Amino acid sequence: MGDFGVGDRQVPVDVRAVEPRRVPSGLIALALGGFGIGLTEFLIAGLLPQVASDFAVSEATAGRLISGYALSVAVGAIALTAATARLPRKQVLVGLVALFVVGNLLSAVAPTYSVMLLGRIVAALCHGSFFGIGSLVARGLVAPERKSRAVAVMFAGLTLANVLGVPFGALVGERWGWRAAFWAVTAIGVLALAGIVALVPGRAGAETEGGAPGGLREQLRAFRSAQVWLTLAATALGYGGMFGAFSYIAYTFTEVGGFSSADVAWLLMVYGVGLVVGNLVGGRAADRDRDRALVLALLGLTVTLTLFGLLADSAVASVVLVFLMGVTGFAAVPGMITRVTDAARGAALAASANVSASNVGNALGAWLGGLAITAGLGYTAPLCTGAALALAALVVMLVAARRAGPSVRR
């Protein structure tokens, strides 16, 4: 804050609101951390055969390196945020990224499968808390009217990792071995750690509009708000719709759309580009009218998944619709995070709970899509179940928007 003189009075002015609209360097450091964490999550899919062969374990056992990571994300998001409730947020972020570096270092040097799994779990524990607490720090680096865009910049690292993670892991693993991929991610983590230490202000995110609760008891009180629970429910259902469809999209492409297995990689990159676009567009739209942007994003996702289920046998339609699935699916993310933290008056635990809710939604969507396939409904069934979940998210969001006060609605 600064003081501008008006006559003989001193008027406090938020300096962030009058500075040139450039991306703060601290946001770039947060985005780099998000990129590294996203790479850790996604690159393992392209390395799984090598890891299974190296440790002489079955494909199913190797798959626990993915499922174990996801479970640890959901648990760590709540547990670590609760445990660090009274600590300065920059200090917490530094500790989380250090934990991420240690986890990936363990994976890179793991002599056994068990140590590799431990490294994955350690790295995953920081995931949810980093994005939850980091979103509060990100919005504290810019003027209030740009908070959703700031969150979108931080999440840009994650969306880029979604585009590059699997091909990055496969390329590096093929050329230098799977351990080299984890060494590379460890190096990215070290760079992100140095960037956060040097570039993120010590008080960033310490205050939000309405005042941020400090201790755990105060943060838990935020969950008395119906708006917090409605937003978490909309997040879980919206993510469930998108990732329920995405979990089986390779089968939809090859068994329904007539694409070859070799085509799947570039089709997934089209989807990833959609995530990047949706994240940036969604952040900007949410800063203009957040609840309207969220309703439109969920409506778009519902329509997209419905059309995809009907037109999956068309190659051209599949390419267009998988891109739109990424756009509409991720467009709601920045707005959902700023909405839940506004409803919770800045509680970091609510922001991390939003990350946990998205992982619960991922599991729910994949489970329902698998049930639909098992029931003999075909490989377009996950798209239909995804559309149903997205529709449910839209209904919840409409209820939330109708019941919200101005501070939450915008």
Protein backbone atom coordinates (compact mmCIF):
# COMPACT_ATOMS: atom_id res chain seq x y z
CA MET A 1 0.00 0.00 0.00
CA GLY A 2 1.15 3.59 -0.64
CA ASP A 3 -0.11 7.08 0.38
CA PHE A 4 -1.27 9.59 -2.23
CA GLY A 5 -1.84 13.15 -1.01
CA VAL A 6 -5.26 14.72 -1.68
CA GLY A 7 -5.28 18.27 -0.38
CA ASP A 8 -3.93 17.93 3.16
CA ARG A 9 -5.14 14.33 3.55
CA GLN A 10 -3.19 11.13 2.90
CA VAL A 11 -5.27 8.54 1.01
CA PRO A 12 -4.06 4.92 1.00
CA VAL A 13 -3.82 3.44 -2.46
CA ASP A 14 -3.35 -0.17 -3.46
CA VAL A 15 -0.16 0.08 -5.52
CA ARG A 16 -1.03 -3.13 -7.37
CA ALA A 17 -4.02 -1.35 -8.91
CA VAL A 18 -1.95 1.46 -10.47
CA GLU A 19 1.14 -0.49 -11.56
CA PRO A 20 1.44 -1.43 -15.24
CA ARG A 21 -0.47 -4.57 -16.09
CA ARG A 22 2.40 -6.95 -16.54
CA VAL A 23 2.74 -10.45 -15.20
CA PRO A 24 4.52 -10.28 -11.81
CA SER A 25 7.75 -12.29 -11.72
CA GLY A 26 6.45 -14.14 -8.66
CA LEU A 27 3.60 -15.51 -10.77
CA ILE A 28 6.11 -16.89 -13.27
CA ALA A 29 7.88 -18.70 -10.42
CA LEU A 30 4.56 -20.17 -9.25
CA ALA A 31 3.73 -21.26 -12.81
CA LEU A 32 7.12 -22.99 -13.08
CA GLY A 33 6.35 -24.85 -9.86
CA GLY A 34 2.97 -25.85 -11.27
CA PHE A 35 4.66 -27.03 -14.46
CA GLY A 36 7.06 -29.25 -12.53
CA ILE A 37 4.31 -30.72 -10.37
CA GLY A 38 2.17 -31.34 -13.44
CA LEU A 39 5.06 -33.08 -15.21
CA THR A 40 5.51 -35.39 -12.23
CA GLU A 41 1.84 -36.34 -12.38
CA PHE A 42 1.60 -36.95 -16.12
CA LEU A 43 5.01 -38.16 -17.35
CA ILE A 44 4.81 -41.51 -15.53
CA ALA A 45 2.17 -42.71 -18.00
CA GLY A 46 4.75 -42.70 -20.80
CA LEU A 47 7.39 -44.37 -18.61
CA LEU A 48 5.33 -47.14 -17.01
CA PRO A 49 6.51 -49.99 -19.28
CA GLN A 50 10.18 -49.13 -18.64
CA VAL A 51 9.67 -48.82 -14.89
CA ALA A 52 7.78 -52.13 -14.72
CA SER A 53 10.54 -53.88 -16.68
CA ASP A 54 13.35 -52.34 -14.64
CA PHE A 55 11.85 -53.35 -11.29
CA ALA A 56 10.44 -56.65 -12.62
CA VAL A 57 6.87 -55.90 -11.50
CA SER A 58 3.57 -56.40 -13.28
CA GLU A 59 1.76 -53.67 -15.18
CA ALA A 60 -0.90 -53.54 -12.47
CA THR A 61 1.72 -53.10 -9.76
CA ALA A 62 3.47 -50.39 -11.75
CA GLY A 63 0.08 -48.70 -12.17
CA ARG A 64 0.06 -48.03 -8.42
CA LEU A 65 2.65 -45.35 -9.10
CA ILE A 66 -0.28 -43.46 -10.71
CA SER A 67 -3.13 -44.39 -8.36
CA GLY A 68 -0.93 -43.97 -5.28
CA TYR A 69 0.00 -40.49 -6.47
CA ALA A 70 -3.66 -39.50 -6.97
CA LEU A 71 -4.66 -40.75 -3.51
CA SER A 72 -1.75 -38.91 -1.90
CA VAL A 73 -2.79 -35.68 -3.65
CA ALA A 74 -6.27 -35.88 -2.14
CA VAL A 75 -4.94 -36.64 1.36
CA GLY A 76 -2.01 -34.21 1.28
CA ALA A 77 -4.12 -31.28 0.09
CA ILE A 78 -6.10 -31.26 3.32
CA ALA A 79 -3.53 -32.62 5.77
CA LEU A 80 -0.60 -30.35 4.89
CA THR A 81 -2.74 -27.24 4.53
CA ALA A 82 -4.29 -27.89 7.94
CA ALA A 83 -0.91 -28.59 9.53
CA THR A 84 0.59 -25.33 8.21
CA ALA A 85 -2.44 -23.11 8.80
CA ARG A 86 -0.61 -20.57 10.99
CA LEU A 87 2.64 -20.41 9.01
CA PRO A 88 3.42 -17.63 6.48
CA ARG A 89 2.24 -18.72 3.05
CA LYS A 90 5.52 -18.08 1.26
CA GLN A 91 7.31 -20.18 3.85
CA VAL A 92 4.80 -22.98 3.32
CA LEU A 93 5.23 -22.83 -0.46
CA VAL A 94 9.00 -23.08 -0.12
CA GLY A 95 8.60 -26.14 2.11
CA LEU A 96 6.13 -27.74 -0.31
CA VAL A 97 8.41 -27.32 -3.32
CA ALA A 98 11.34 -28.66 -1.27
CA LEU A 99 9.20 -31.72 -0.51
CA PHE A 100 8.48 -32.05 -4.22
CA VAL A 101 12.22 -31.96 -5.00
CA VAL A 102 12.96 -34.63 -2.38
CA GLY A 103 10.18 -36.89 -3.72
CA ASN A 104 11.41 -36.71 -7.31
CA LEU A 105 15.01 -37.19 -6.22
CA LEU A 106 13.93 -40.37 -4.42
CA SER A 107 12.23 -41.56 -7.60
CA ALA A 108 15.29 -40.78 -9.72
CA VAL A 109 17.68 -42.80 -7.53
CA ALA A 110 15.21 -45.47 -6.33
CA PRO A 111 16.97 -48.86 -6.00
CA THR A 112 13.66 -50.71 -5.57
CA TYR A 113 10.02 -50.36 -6.56
CA SER A 114 9.06 -49.62 -2.94
CA VAL A 115 11.42 -46.64 -2.80
CA MET A 116 10.06 -45.45 -6.14
CA LEU A 117 6.51 -45.60 -4.77
CA LEU A 118 7.62 -43.73 -1.65
CA GLY A 119 9.12 -41.00 -3.83
CA ARG A 120 5.87 -40.69 -5.76
CA ILE A 121 3.88 -40.40 -2.53
CA VAL A 122 6.24 -37.76 -1.09
CA ALA A 123 6.08 -35.70 -4.29
CA ALA A 124 2.27 -36.01 -4.42
CA LEU A 125 1.75 -34.77 -0.87
CA CYS A 126 2.70 -31.25 -1.93
CA HIS A 127 0.47 -31.17 -5.04
CA GLY A 128 -2.88 -30.11 -3.61
CA SER A 129 -1.51 -27.72 -1.01
CA PHE A 130 0.77 -26.05 -3.56
CA PHE A 131 -2.11 -25.23 -5.89
CA GLY A 132 -4.45 -24.35 -3.02
CA ILE A 133 -2.06 -22.05 -1.14
CA GLY A 134 -0.36 -20.92 -4.34
CA SER A 135 -3.69 -19.68 -5.72
CA LEU A 136 -4.06 -17.40 -2.69
CA VAL A 137 -0.51 -16.14 -3.09
CA ALA A 138 -1.08 -15.60 -6.83
CA ARG A 139 -4.17 -13.47 -6.32
CA GLY A 140 -2.28 -11.44 -3.72
CA LEU A 141 0.27 -10.42 -6.36
CA VAL A 142 -2.24 -8.50 -8.50
CA ALA A 143 -5.11 -6.06 -8.14
CA PRO A 144 -8.38 -7.65 -6.91
CA GLU A 145 -10.12 -7.28 -10.28
CA ARG A 146 -7.44 -9.51 -11.88
CA LYS A 147 -7.40 -12.31 -9.31
CA SER A 148 -8.87 -15.05 -11.53
CA ARG A 149 -6.40 -14.22 -14.30
CA ALA A 150 -3.57 -14.48 -11.79
CA VAL A 151 -4.76 -17.95 -10.77
CA ALA A 152 -5.00 -18.87 -14.45
CA VAL A 153 -1.36 -17.85 -14.99
CA MET A 154 -0.27 -20.09 -12.13
CA PHE A 155 -2.33 -22.98 -13.54
CA ALA A 156 -0.88 -22.39 -17.00
CA GLY A 157 2.11 -24.40 -15.84
CA LEU A 158 -0.15 -27.34 -15.02
CA THR A 159 -1.99 -27.18 -18.34
CA LEU A 160 1.29 -27.02 -20.29
CA ALA A 161 2.47 -30.04 -18.34
CA ASN A 162 -0.69 -31.85 -19.44
CA VAL A 163 0.24 -31.15 -23.06
CA LEU A 164 3.92 -32.01 -22.71
CA GLY A 165 4.04 -34.49 -19.81
CA VAL A 166 3.42 -37.82 -21.55
CA PRO A 167 5.46 -37.05 -24.72
CA PHE A 168 8.24 -35.53 -22.55
CA GLY A 169 8.43 -38.65 -20.40
CA ALA A 170 8.32 -40.95 -23.40
CA LEU A 171 10.98 -38.99 -25.34
CA VAL A 172 13.44 -38.60 -22.46
CA GLY A 173 12.82 -42.15 -21.28
CA GLU A 174 13.44 -43.57 -24.73
CA ARG A 175 16.67 -41.64 -25.22
CA TRP A 176 18.24 -41.61 -21.74
CA GLY A 177 16.10 -43.92 -19.59
CA TRP A 178 13.21 -43.28 -17.22
CA ARG A 179 15.46 -42.05 -14.40
CA ALA A 180 16.62 -39.13 -16.56
CA ALA A 181 13.02 -37.87 -16.74
CA PHE A 182 12.84 -37.69 -12.95
CA TRP A 183 16.24 -36.00 -12.77
CA ALA A 184 14.92 -33.38 -15.20
CA VAL A 185 11.80 -32.79 -13.09
CA THR A 186 13.98 -32.53 -9.98
CA ALA A 187 16.00 -29.80 -11.70
CA ILE A 188 12.81 -27.94 -12.61
CA GLY A 189 11.76 -28.19 -8.97
CA VAL A 190 15.06 -26.66 -7.83
CA LEU A 191 14.61 -23.77 -10.29
CA ALA A 192 11.03 -23.21 -9.08
CA LEU A 193 12.22 -23.28 -5.48
CA ALA A 194 14.86 -20.65 -6.19
CA GLY A 195 12.33 -18.54 -8.09
CA ILE A 196 9.78 -18.60 -5.28
CA VAL A 197 12.43 -17.71 -2.69
CA ALA A 198 13.72 -14.81 -4.78
CA LEU A 199 10.63 -13.47 -6.52
CA VAL A 200 7.54 -14.06 -4.36
CA PRO A 201 7.08 -11.29 -1.77
CA GLY A 202 7.05 -12.46 1.83
CA ARG A 203 3.56 -11.07 2.51
CA ALA A 204 1.96 -12.19 -0.76
CA GLY A 205 -1.41 -13.78 -0.12
CA ALA A 206 -1.29 -12.99 3.58
CA GLU A 207 -4.43 -10.90 3.22
CA THR A 208 -7.45 -11.26 0.97
CA GLU A 209 -10.65 -9.32 0.63
CA GLY A 210 -12.59 -9.85 3.79
CA GLY A 211 -9.58 -11.01 5.82
CA ALA A 212 -7.97 -14.43 5.73
CA PRO A 213 -8.58 -16.75 8.68
CA GLY A 214 -5.36 -17.66 10.44
CA GLY A 215 -5.57 -20.76 12.62
CA LEU A 216 -7.06 -24.13 11.82
CA ARG A 217 -10.17 -23.54 13.94
CA GLU A 218 -10.91 -20.30 12.12
CA GLN A 219 -10.33 -21.95 8.76
CA LEU A 220 -12.67 -24.81 9.60
CA ARG A 221 -15.38 -22.26 10.32
CA ALA A 222 -15.27 -21.33 6.64
CA PHE A 223 -16.90 -24.69 5.88
CA ARG A 224 -20.08 -23.51 7.58
CA SER A 225 -20.78 -21.59 4.38
CA ALA A 226 -23.22 -23.28 2.02
CA GLN A 227 -21.47 -21.48 -0.85
CA VAL A 228 -18.22 -23.27 -0.05
CA TRP A 229 -19.91 -26.68 -0.24
CA LEU A 230 -21.87 -25.82 -3.37
CA THR A 231 -18.69 -24.68 -5.12
CA LEU A 232 -16.81 -27.80 -4.04
CA ALA A 233 -19.68 -29.96 -5.32
CA ALA A 234 -19.72 -28.14 -8.66
CA THR A 235 -15.94 -28.58 -8.92
CA ALA A 236 -16.11 -32.32 -8.23
CA LEU A 237 -18.97 -32.89 -10.67
CA GLY A 238 -17.45 -30.70 -13.39
CA TYR A 239 -14.07 -32.40 -13.15
CA GLY A 240 -15.81 -35.76 -13.00
CA GLY A 241 -17.56 -34.99 -16.25
CA MET A 242 -14.41 -33.99 -18.10
CA PHE A 243 -12.01 -36.60 -16.73
CA GLY A 244 -14.59 -39.37 -16.76
CA ALA A 245 -14.74 -38.90 -20.51
CA PHE A 246 -10.99 -38.33 -20.83
CA SER A 247 -10.05 -41.53 -18.96
CA TYR A 248 -11.33 -43.69 -21.83
CA ILE A 249 -10.85 -41.27 -24.71
CA ALA A 250 -8.14 -43.41 -26.35
CA TYR A 251 -10.66 -46.27 -26.71
CA THR A 252 -13.23 -43.83 -28.11
CA PHE A 253 -10.74 -42.62 -30.72
CA THR A 254 -9.58 -46.08 -31.84
CA GLU A 255 -12.73 -48.18 -31.42
CA VAL A 256 -15.34 -45.62 -32.51
CA GLY A 257 -13.58 -42.84 -34.40
CA GLY A 258 -11.43 -45.15 -36.52
CA PHE A 259 -8.12 -43.56 -35.53
CA SER A 260 -4.96 -45.64 -35.25
CA SER A 261 -3.11 -46.09 -31.97
CA ALA A 262 -0.37 -43.83 -33.33
CA ASP A 263 -2.90 -41.01 -33.73
CA VAL A 264 -3.81 -40.97 -30.05
CA ALA A 265 -0.69 -39.02 -29.00
CA TRP A 266 -1.37 -36.00 -31.21
CA LEU A 267 -5.09 -36.11 -30.41
CA LEU A 268 -4.22 -35.89 -26.72
CA MET A 269 -2.03 -32.89 -27.50
CA VAL A 270 -5.04 -31.24 -29.20
CA TYR A 271 -6.95 -31.81 -25.97
CA GLY A 272 -4.04 -30.37 -23.98
CA VAL A 273 -3.95 -27.23 -26.11
CA GLY A 274 -7.66 -26.88 -25.35
CA LEU A 275 -6.84 -26.99 -21.63
CA VAL A 276 -4.32 -24.16 -22.02
CA VAL A 277 -6.79 -22.02 -23.99
CA GLY A 278 -9.67 -22.74 -21.62
CA ASN A 279 -7.58 -21.89 -18.57
CA LEU A 280 -6.55 -18.47 -19.89
CA VAL A 281 -9.94 -17.58 -21.38
CA GLY A 282 -11.74 -18.79 -18.26
CA GLY A 283 -9.57 -16.69 -15.97
CA ARG A 284 -10.21 -13.54 -17.97
CA ALA A 285 -13.97 -14.21 -18.20
CA ALA A 286 -14.22 -14.91 -14.47
CA ASP A 287 -12.70 -11.51 -13.66
CA ARG A 288 -15.51 -9.88 -15.65
CA ASP A 289 -18.49 -11.86 -14.30
CA ARG A 290 -17.44 -14.96 -12.43
CA ASP A 291 -20.69 -16.84 -11.91
CA ARG A 292 -21.83 -16.16 -15.47
CA ALA A 293 -18.47 -17.46 -16.75
CA LEU A 294 -18.77 -20.62 -14.63
CA VAL A 295 -22.32 -21.31 -15.78
CA LEU A 296 -21.34 -20.86 -19.43
CA ALA A 297 -18.27 -23.09 -19.05
CA LEU A 298 -20.30 -25.92 -17.49
CA LEU A 299 -23.05 -25.50 -20.07
CA GLY A 300 -20.42 -25.64 -22.82
CA LEU A 301 -18.90 -28.79 -21.33
CA THR A 302 -22.32 -30.47 -21.12
CA VAL A 303 -23.12 -29.64 -24.74
CA THR A 304 -19.64 -30.63 -25.95
CA LEU A 305 -19.68 -34.05 -24.26
CA THR A 306 -23.23 -34.72 -25.50
CA LEU A 307 -22.28 -33.88 -29.10
CA PHE A 308 -19.07 -35.90 -28.78
CA GLY A 309 -21.09 -38.94 -27.68
CA LEU A 310 -23.30 -38.54 -30.75
CA LEU A 311 -20.57 -37.73 -33.29
CA ALA A 312 -17.61 -39.79 -32.08
CA ASP A 313 -17.65 -41.87 -35.27
CA SER A 314 -16.70 -38.75 -37.27
CA ALA A 315 -12.96 -38.10 -37.39
CA VAL A 316 -13.33 -34.37 -38.05
CA ALA A 317 -15.92 -33.90 -35.32
CA SER A 318 -13.73 -35.85 -32.87
CA VAL A 319 -10.77 -33.51 -33.39
CA VAL A 320 -12.90 -30.40 -32.95
CA LEU A 321 -14.81 -31.75 -29.96
CA VAL A 322 -11.80 -33.06 -28.05
CA PHE A 323 -10.30 -29.56 -28.33
CA LEU A 324 -13.56 -28.01 -27.08
CA MET A 325 -13.68 -30.59 -24.28
CA GLY A 326 -10.36 -29.24 -23.06
CA VAL A 327 -11.46 -25.60 -23.44
CA THR A 328 -14.80 -25.91 -21.67
CA GLY A 329 -13.55 -28.41 -19.10
CA PHE A 330 -10.74 -26.20 -17.79
CA ALA A 331 -12.38 -22.81 -18.30
CA ALA A 332 -14.12 -23.16 -14.95
CA VAL A 333 -10.97 -23.90 -12.93
CA PRO A 334 -9.66 -20.37 -12.14
CA GLY A 335 -13.13 -19.08 -11.30
CA MET A 336 -13.97 -22.06 -9.09
CA ILE A 337 -10.83 -21.52 -7.01
CA THR A 338 -11.36 -17.79 -6.51
CA ARG A 339 -15.05 -18.43 -5.81
CA VAL A 340 -14.44 -20.98 -3.08
CA THR A 341 -11.77 -18.81 -1.43
CA ASP A 342 -14.00 -15.73 -1.55
CA ALA A 343 -16.85 -17.73 0.01
CA ALA A 344 -14.39 -19.00 2.65
CA ARG A 345 -12.99 -15.48 3.26
CA GLY A 346 -9.52 -16.49 2.11
CA ALA A 347 -9.16 -19.77 3.99
CA ALA A 348 -6.28 -21.75 2.49
CA LEU A 349 -7.94 -24.98 3.63
CA ALA A 350 -10.91 -24.26 1.35
CA ALA A 351 -8.60 -23.64 -1.62
CA SER A 352 -6.84 -26.96 -1.01
CA ALA A 353 -10.19 -28.69 -0.50
CA ASN A 354 -11.09 -27.52 -4.01
CA VAL A 355 -8.07 -29.44 -5.35
CA SER A 356 -9.15 -32.51 -3.36
CA ALA A 357 -12.68 -32.15 -4.74
CA SER A 358 -11.31 -32.19 -8.28
CA ASN A 359 -9.44 -35.44 -7.56
CA VAL A 360 -12.57 -36.98 -6.05
CA GLY A 361 -14.38 -35.94 -9.22
CA ASN A 362 -11.66 -37.54 -11.37
CA ALA A 363 -12.10 -40.84 -9.53
CA LEU A 364 -15.90 -40.65 -9.67
CA GLY A 365 -15.97 -39.90 -13.39
CA ALA A 366 -13.51 -42.68 -14.25
CA TRP A 367 -15.43 -45.16 -12.08
CA LEU A 368 -18.81 -44.33 -13.66
CA GLY A 369 -17.34 -44.41 -17.16
CA GLY A 370 -15.82 -47.83 -16.46
CA LEU A 371 -19.14 -49.12 -15.14
CA ALA A 372 -20.85 -47.94 -18.32
CA ILE A 373 -18.34 -49.75 -20.51
CA THR A 374 -18.57 -52.92 -18.39
CA ALA A 375 -22.36 -52.79 -18.76
CA GLY A 376 -21.88 -53.12 -22.53
CA LEU A 377 -22.89 -49.56 -23.43
CA GLY A 378 -19.86 -49.07 -25.67
CA TYR A 379 -16.92 -46.70 -25.78
CA THR A 380 -19.05 -43.59 -26.18
CA ALA A 381 -20.71 -44.31 -22.82
CA PRO A 382 -18.06 -42.42 -20.78
CA LEU A 383 -18.85 -39.33 -22.84
CA CYS A 384 -22.53 -39.70 -21.95
CA THR A 385 -21.86 -40.26 -18.25
CA GLY A 386 -19.50 -37.30 -18.38
CA ALA A 387 -22.25 -35.15 -19.91
CA ALA A 388 -24.60 -36.21 -17.10
CA LEU A 389 -22.04 -35.23 -14.45
CA ALA A 390 -21.38 -31.90 -16.18
CA LEU A 391 -25.13 -31.25 -16.26
CA ALA A 392 -25.33 -31.97 -12.53
CA ALA A 393 -22.45 -29.51 -11.99
CA LEU A 394 -24.33 -26.91 -14.03
CA VAL A 395 -27.46 -27.34 -11.89
CA VAL A 396 -25.42 -26.99 -8.67
CA MET A 397 -23.71 -23.89 -10.05
CA LEU A 398 -27.03 -22.30 -10.98
CA VAL A 399 -28.32 -22.91 -7.45
CA ALA A 400 -25.11 -21.48 -5.98
CA ALA A 401 -25.25 -18.40 -8.22
CA ARG A 402 -28.90 -17.73 -7.32
CA ARG A 403 -28.16 -17.96 -3.60
CA ALA A 404 -24.86 -16.06 -3.60
CA GLY A 405 -24.24 -12.58 -2.28
CA PRO A 406 -22.46 -9.99 -4.46
CA SER A 407 -18.99 -10.67 -2.94
CA VAL A 408 -19.15 -14.36 -3.90
CA ARG A 409 -20.99 -13.92 -7.19
CA ARG A 410 -18.30 -11.63 -8.62
